[in-house]
Amino acid sequence: MSRNNLAYDLTKYEDVAPEKAPKIRIRRQKAENVGSAPKLVVMTVAAGALLGAVIYGKVENTAIHSEIAAQSQYVEMLESENVRMQSELEEKTALKSVENYAEQILGMQKLDKSQIEYVSISNGNIIDIPESNDNIFVRIKIAFEDFVEYLRG
């Protein structure tokens, strides 16, 4: 082999036939049956029912919130009425009001020193309780009643 710069013709070794331009064919795809009419009607009805349920839920929610607001206003009105009535009750039960009522309506007057009577006890601070001649059953009953009274306070 000689060393030279000559180019080799490699085409004579190729067995490939010359390429032809590819033929372009246009195929028309048949439209697939996307949905039949009953399916479309059922889906439309289902979507409408779902939309109706959502709207109905919103309407009920709004109605409940308005009812809560009305009841809250009613509670506030009752609370203010309670405060008014409590202050009126306190005013009527004040000591000055009771004294005025007793003096003017009932005709009572304040206690005077001349109206006070002192009671003196001649025996002092001693109380005589006579012994009773009760039988044993009465004594047991009395003791039991005293015990129950002690427990009740």
Protein backbone atom coordinates (compact mmCIF):
# COMPACT_ATOMS: atom_id res chain seq x y z
CA MET A 1 0.00 0.00 0.00
CA SER A 2 1.14 3.27 -0.88
CA ARG A 3 0.78 6.26 1.15
CA ASN A 4 -0.81 8.88 -0.88
CA ASN A 5 -3.52 11.38 -0.49
CA LEU A 6 -5.82 10.11 -3.06
CA ALA A 7 -9.47 9.91 -2.16
CA TYR A 8 -11.23 6.68 -2.61
CA ASP A 9 -14.50 6.40 -4.46
CA LEU A 10 -16.65 4.55 -1.98
CA THR A 11 -19.84 4.67 -4.02
CA LYS A 12 -18.89 1.62 -5.95
CA TYR A 13 -19.07 -0.39 -2.74
CA GLU A 14 -22.54 0.76 -1.80
CA ASP A 15 -25.45 -1.48 -2.79
CA VAL A 16 -28.09 1.05 -1.91
CA ALA A 17 -30.56 2.07 -4.52
CA PRO A 18 -31.10 5.74 -4.90
CA GLU A 19 -33.81 6.99 -2.56
CA LYS A 20 -37.10 8.09 -3.95
CA ALA A 21 -39.08 10.86 -2.38
CA PRO A 22 -41.59 9.35 0.03
CA LYS A 23 -45.14 9.39 -1.10
CA ILE A 24 -47.39 11.36 1.22
CA ARG A 25 -50.75 9.83 1.73
CA ILE A 26 -53.51 11.66 3.51
CA ARG A 27 -55.75 9.49 5.57
CA ARG A 28 -58.97 10.84 6.83
CA GLN A 29 -59.78 9.58 10.26
CA LYS A 30 -63.30 8.63 10.87
CA ALA A 31 -64.94 10.66 13.61
CA GLU A 32 -65.18 8.46 16.65
CA ASN A 33 -68.53 8.28 18.33
CA VAL A 34 -67.83 10.84 21.06
CA GLY A 35 -71.12 10.35 22.89
CA SER A 36 -74.51 9.18 22.03
CA ALA A 37 -77.57 11.34 22.53
CA PRO A 38 -78.81 9.52 25.69
CA LYS A 39 -75.40 9.92 27.32
CA LEU A 40 -75.41 13.62 26.49
CA VAL A 41 -78.91 14.05 27.95
CA VAL A 42 -78.00 12.16 31.14
CA MET A 43 -74.82 14.18 31.63
CA THR A 44 -76.70 17.44 31.05
CA VAL A 45 -79.39 16.45 33.57
CA ALA A 46 -76.74 15.41 36.11
CA ALA A 47 -74.86 18.70 35.68
CA GLY A 48 -78.13 20.63 36.07
CA ALA A 49 -79.04 18.67 39.20
CA LEU A 50 -75.61 19.33 40.69
CA LEU A 51 -75.89 23.03 39.90
CA GLY A 52 -79.38 23.13 41.40
CA ALA A 53 -78.16 21.39 44.57
CA VAL A 54 -75.35 23.92 44.98
CA ILE A 55 -77.72 26.86 44.50
CA TYR A 56 -80.26 25.35 46.91
CA GLY A 57 -77.52 24.89 49.51
CA LYS A 58 -76.46 28.52 49.16
CA VAL A 59 -80.09 29.70 49.51
CA GLU A 60 -80.59 27.60 52.67
CA ASN A 61 -77.29 28.85 54.09
CA THR A 62 -78.36 32.46 53.52
CA ALA A 63 -81.77 31.80 55.11
CA ILE A 64 -80.15 30.25 58.19
CA HIS A 65 -77.73 33.17 58.56
CA SER A 66 -80.58 35.68 58.34
CA GLU A 67 -82.52 33.71 60.98
CA ILE A 68 -79.45 33.72 63.25
CA ALA A 69 -79.11 37.49 62.81
CA ALA A 70 -82.80 38.01 63.65
CA GLN A 71 -82.54 35.83 66.77
CA SER A 72 -79.37 37.65 67.84
CA GLN A 73 -81.17 40.99 67.60
CA TYR A 74 -84.05 39.53 69.62
CA VAL A 75 -81.63 38.28 72.31
CA GLU A 76 -79.95 41.69 72.49
CA MET A 77 -83.35 43.36 72.88
CA LEU A 78 -84.28 40.93 75.69
CA GLU A 79 -80.97 41.54 77.44
CA SER A 80 -81.49 45.30 77.36
CA GLU A 81 -85.05 44.80 78.65
CA ASN A 82 -83.66 42.63 81.45
CA VAL A 83 -81.18 45.35 82.43
CA ARG A 84 -83.99 47.94 82.44
CA MET A 85 -86.22 45.74 84.60
CA GLN A 86 -83.37 44.93 87.01
CA SER A 87 -82.65 48.63 87.52
CA GLU A 88 -86.38 49.30 88.02
CA LEU A 89 -86.55 46.49 90.59
CA GLU A 90 -83.50 47.83 92.42
CA GLU A 91 -85.08 51.28 92.45
CA LYS A 92 -88.32 49.95 93.94
CA THR A 93 -86.59 47.83 96.57
CA ALA A 94 -84.22 50.58 97.70
CA LEU A 95 -84.47 51.37 101.40
CA LYS A 96 -85.61 54.94 100.79
CA SER A 97 -88.46 53.78 98.50
CA VAL A 98 -89.61 51.21 101.05
CA GLU A 99 -89.60 53.85 103.83
CA ASN A 100 -91.59 56.28 101.67
CA TYR A 101 -94.14 53.58 100.80
CA ALA A 102 -94.51 52.58 104.45
CA GLU A 103 -94.98 56.17 105.61
CA GLN A 104 -97.21 57.48 102.81
CA ILE A 105 -99.29 54.51 101.67
CA LEU A 106 -99.45 52.34 104.79
CA GLY A 107 -99.46 55.23 107.29
CA MET A 108 -96.59 53.84 109.33
CA GLN A 109 -94.18 56.02 111.19
CA LYS A 110 -90.69 55.61 112.54
CA LEU A 111 -90.25 54.04 115.94
CA ASP A 112 -90.25 56.54 118.76
CA LYS A 113 -88.47 56.00 122.11
CA SER A 114 -91.80 56.21 123.89
CA GLN A 115 -93.02 53.15 121.97
CA ILE A 116 -90.25 50.89 123.23
CA GLU A 117 -91.16 48.57 126.09
CA TYR A 118 -88.53 46.65 127.95
CA VAL A 119 -89.40 43.22 129.33
CA SER A 120 -87.63 41.94 132.40
CA ILE A 121 -87.44 38.28 133.22
CA SER A 122 -87.72 37.51 136.88
CA ASN A 123 -86.07 34.07 136.72
CA GLY A 124 -82.91 35.29 135.04
CA ASN A 125 -81.35 33.15 132.33
CA ILE A 126 -82.58 29.80 133.61
CA ILE A 127 -85.19 27.78 131.82
CA ASP A 128 -86.90 24.90 133.56
CA ILE A 129 -87.92 22.04 131.29
CA PRO A 130 -90.09 19.50 133.05
CA GLU A 131 -89.17 15.85 132.56
CA SER A 132 -91.63 13.92 130.53
CA ASN A 133 -92.68 10.42 131.46
CA ASP A 134 -92.56 9.05 127.89
CA ASN A 135 -92.10 5.35 127.26
CA ILE A 136 -89.00 3.90 125.60
CA PHE A 137 -90.46 3.87 122.07
CA VAL A 138 -91.25 7.59 122.14
CA ARG A 139 -87.73 8.35 123.37
CA ILE A 140 -86.23 6.26 120.54
CA LYS A 141 -88.41 8.07 118.02
CA ILE A 142 -87.37 11.48 119.38
CA ALA A 143 -83.68 10.48 119.34
CA PHE A 144 -83.99 9.27 115.74
CA GLU A 145 -85.72 12.51 114.68
CA ASP A 146 -82.99 14.54 116.37
CA PHE A 147 -80.33 12.50 114.57
CA VAL A 148 -82.01 13.02 111.16
CA GLU A 149 -82.34 16.73 111.89
CA TYR A 150 -78.64 16.85 112.75
CA LEU A 151 -77.75 15.18 109.44
CA ARG A 152 -79.89 17.58 107.43
CA GLY A 153 -78.20 20.55 109.06
